[in-house]
Amino acid sequence: MPLQLSHPPLDTVQLDAVYAALADRHRRLVVVVLASAPEAEVPCTALDVPGSKSTRSYHWKVLREAGLIVQRSTGTGMLLRLRPDFDERFPGLLDNLLRLERPRN
């Protein structure tokens, strides 16, 4: 049976938790990667986040509990995607993040 993960209701997502989650550059990179395919779920193993499995799991938990991502267990792995309704709570925040994190030439 797949693991059930809790996600905060949109109206309880707090800006300070979002900023704290985005303060880590690896978590910002995850958000940028997920934003490149907003409708798609990405396997956790496909994301290039350094560290042990427990460190990566901690990053997913922080992003999920901050209300930035939706995480789903497939039984043998985990899938991530950006929370589709996040922009309703904080309009433009992700767009600005993506603009700022865009690679510079």
C-alpha atoms as a PDB file:
ATOM      1  CA  MET A   1       0.000   0.000   0.000  1.00  0.00           C
ATOM      2  CA  PRO A   2       1.446   3.423  -0.954  1.00  0.00           C
ATOM      3  CA  LEU A   3       2.465   5.754   1.845  1.00  0.00           C
ATOM      4  CA  GLN A   4      -0.028   8.546   2.548  1.00  0.00           C
ATOM      5  CA  LEU A   5       1.637  11.949   2.931  1.00  0.00           C
ATOM      6  CA  SER A   6       0.006  14.997   4.453  1.00  0.00           C
ATOM      7  CA  HIS A   7      -0.087  18.294   2.609  1.00  0.00           C
ATOM      8  CA  PRO A   8      -1.142  21.527   4.309  1.00  0.00           C
ATOM      9  CA  PRO A   9      -4.430  23.112   3.264  1.00  0.00           C
ATOM     10  CA  LEU A  10      -3.737  26.082   0.998  1.00  0.00           C
ATOM     11  CA  ASP A  11      -5.175  28.625   3.439  1.00  0.00           C
ATOM     12  CA  THR A  12      -2.728  27.508   6.151  1.00  0.00           C
ATOM     13  CA  VAL A  13       0.414  27.879   4.022  1.00  0.00           C
ATOM     14  CA  GLN A  14       2.554  30.593   5.604  1.00  0.00           C
ATOM     15  CA  LEU A  15       4.940  32.883   3.744  1.00  0.00           C
ATOM     16  CA  ASP A  16       7.682  32.494   6.366  1.00  0.00           C
ATOM     17  CA  ALA A  17       7.654  28.701   5.852  1.00  0.00           C
ATOM     18  CA  VAL A  18       7.840  29.195   2.070  1.00  0.00           C
ATOM     19  CA  TYR A  19      10.799  31.570   2.407  1.00  0.00           C
ATOM     20  CA  ALA A  20      12.529  29.205   4.835  1.00  0.00           C
ATOM     21  CA  ALA A  21      12.085  26.311   2.388  1.00  0.00           C
ATOM     22  CA  LEU A  22      13.416  28.404  -0.493  1.00  0.00           C
ATOM     23  CA  ALA A  23      16.416  29.625   1.503  1.00  0.00           C
ATOM     24  CA  ASP A  24      18.241  26.401   0.611  1.00  0.00           C
ATOM     25  CA  ARG A  25      19.706  26.478  -2.912  1.00  0.00           C
ATOM     26  CA  HIS A  26      19.090  22.753  -3.477  1.00  0.00           C
ATOM     27  CA  ARG A  27      15.400  23.155  -2.701  1.00  0.00           C
ATOM     28  CA  ARG A  28      15.227  26.208  -4.995  1.00  0.00           C
ATOM     29  CA  LEU A  29      16.747  24.068  -7.757  1.00  0.00           C
ATOM     30  CA  VAL A  30      14.062  21.417  -7.196  1.00  0.00           C
ATOM     31  CA  VAL A  31      11.347  24.077  -7.571  1.00  0.00           C
ATOM     32  CA  VAL A  32      12.978  25.384 -10.765  1.00  0.00           C
ATOM     33  CA  VAL A  33      13.182  21.866 -12.231  1.00  0.00           C
ATOM     34  CA  LEU A  34       9.571  21.087 -11.309  1.00  0.00           C
ATOM     35  CA  ALA A  35       8.446  24.403 -12.818  1.00  0.00           C
ATOM     36  CA  SER A  36       9.881  23.337 -16.177  1.00  0.00           C
ATOM     37  CA  ALA A  37       7.156  20.659 -16.314  1.00  0.00           C
ATOM     38  CA  PRO A  38       4.326  22.054 -14.156  1.00  0.00           C
ATOM     39  CA  GLU A  39       1.779  19.410 -15.168  1.00  0.00           C
ATOM     40  CA  ALA A  40       4.173  16.472 -14.819  1.00  0.00           C
ATOM     41  CA  GLU A  41       5.189  14.436 -11.826  1.00  0.00           C
ATOM     42  CA  VAL A  42       8.935  13.916 -11.515  1.00  0.00           C
ATOM     43  CA  PRO A  43      10.479  10.919  -9.760  1.00  0.00           C
ATOM     44  CA  CYS A  44      12.520  11.965  -6.725  1.00  0.00           C
ATOM     45  CA  THR A  45      15.413   9.924  -8.080  1.00  0.00           C
ATOM     46  CA  ALA A  46      15.510  12.079 -11.243  1.00  0.00           C
ATOM     47  CA  LEU A  47      16.367  15.206  -9.262  1.00  0.00           C
ATOM     48  CA  ASP A  48      20.055  15.964  -8.849  1.00  0.00           C
ATOM     49  CA  VAL A  49      20.141  16.837  -5.152  1.00  0.00           C
ATOM     50  CA  PRO A  50      23.351  15.928  -3.338  1.00  0.00           C
ATOM     51  CA  GLY A  51      23.387  14.051  -0.073  1.00  0.00           C
ATOM     52  CA  SER A  52      22.122  10.832   1.370  1.00  0.00           C
ATOM     53  CA  LYS A  53      18.638   9.459   0.802  1.00  0.00           C
ATOM     54  CA  SER A  54      17.576  10.796   4.196  1.00  0.00           C
ATOM     55  CA  THR A  55      18.888  14.277   3.300  1.00  0.00           C
ATOM     56  CA  ARG A  56      16.924  14.280   0.043  1.00  0.00           C
ATOM     57  CA  SER A  57      13.821  13.024   1.891  1.00  0.00           C
ATOM     58  CA  TYR A  58      14.220  15.885   4.336  1.00  0.00           C
ATOM     59  CA  HIS A  59      14.300  18.393   1.432  1.00  0.00           C
ATOM     60  CA  TRP A  60      11.065  16.912   0.007  1.00  0.00           C
ATOM     61  CA  LYS A  61       9.434  17.103   3.452  1.00  0.00           C
ATOM     62  CA  VAL A  62      10.396  20.762   3.909  1.00  0.00           C
ATOM     63  CA  LEU A  63       9.045  21.678   0.459  1.00  0.00           C
ATOM     64  CA  ARG A  64       5.844  19.664   1.025  1.00  0.00           C
ATOM     65  CA  GLU A  65       5.174  21.065   4.496  1.00  0.00           C
ATOM     66  CA  ALA A  66       5.835  24.604   3.233  1.00  0.00           C
ATOM     67  CA  GLY A  67       3.081  24.034   0.661  1.00  0.00           C
ATOM     68  CA  LEU A  68       5.293  24.281  -2.431  1.00  0.00           C
ATOM     69  CA  ILE A  69       5.052  20.728  -3.741  1.00  0.00           C
ATOM     70  CA  VAL A  70       2.766  17.737  -3.848  1.00  0.00           C
ATOM     71  CA  GLN A  71       4.489  14.443  -3.122  1.00  0.00           C
ATOM     72  CA  ARG A  72       2.940  11.090  -3.960  1.00  0.00           C
ATOM     73  CA  SER A  73       4.105   7.596  -3.167  1.00  0.00           C
ATOM     74  CA  THR A  74       3.947   5.025  -5.936  1.00  0.00           C
ATOM     75  CA  GLY A  75       4.700   2.145  -3.600  1.00  0.00           C
ATOM     76  CA  THR A  76       8.251   1.761  -4.903  1.00  0.00           C
ATOM     77  CA  GLY A  77       9.182   5.411  -5.175  1.00  0.00           C
ATOM     78  CA  MET A  78       8.014   8.981  -4.820  1.00  0.00           C
ATOM     79  CA  LEU A  79       6.793  11.489  -7.369  1.00  0.00           C
ATOM     80  CA  LEU A  80       6.927  15.265  -6.974  1.00  0.00           C
ATOM     81  CA  ARG A  81       5.226  18.161  -8.701  1.00  0.00           C
ATOM     82  CA  LEU A  82       4.658  21.800  -7.932  1.00  0.00           C
ATOM     83  CA  ARG A  83       1.506  22.447  -6.010  1.00  0.00           C
ATOM     84  CA  PRO A  84      -0.927  23.569  -8.730  1.00  0.00           C
ATOM     85  CA  ASP A  85      -2.831  26.029  -6.515  1.00  0.00           C
ATOM     86  CA  PHE A  86       0.231  27.658  -4.897  1.00  0.00           C
ATOM     87  CA  ASP A  87      -0.012  30.781  -7.078  1.00  0.00           C
ATOM     88  CA  GLU A  88      -3.532  31.406  -5.740  1.00  0.00           C
ATOM     89  CA  ARG A  89      -2.070  31.928  -2.272  1.00  0.00           C
ATOM     90  CA  PHE A  90       1.035  33.914  -3.273  1.00  0.00           C
ATOM     91  CA  PRO A  91       0.501  35.321  -6.795  1.00  0.00           C
ATOM     92  CA  GLY A  92       3.715  35.914  -8.706  1.00  0.00           C
ATOM     93  CA  LEU A  93       6.076  34.499  -6.078  1.00  0.00           C
ATOM     94  CA  LEU A  94       7.116  31.473  -8.129  1.00  0.00           C
ATOM     95  CA  ASP A  95       7.335  33.522 -11.338  1.00  0.00           C
ATOM     96  CA  ASN A  96       9.745  35.908  -9.619  1.00  0.00           C
ATOM     97  CA  LEU A  97      11.781  33.046  -8.191  1.00  0.00           C
ATOM     98  CA  LEU A  98      12.084  31.454 -11.629  1.00  0.00           C
ATOM     99  CA  ARG A  99      13.115  34.765 -13.174  1.00  0.00           C
ATOM    100  CA  LEU A 100      15.802  35.258 -10.516  1.00  0.00           C
ATOM    101  CA  GLU A 101      17.077  31.678 -10.711  1.00  0.00           C
ATOM    102  CA  ARG A 102      17.257  31.624 -14.509  1.00  0.00           C
ATOM    103  CA  PRO A 103      20.816  30.823 -15.632  1.00  0.00           C
ATOM    104  CA  ARG A 104      22.667  33.929 -16.758  1.00  0.00           C
ATOM    105  CA  ASN A 105      24.584  33.952 -20.032  1.00  0.00           C
END
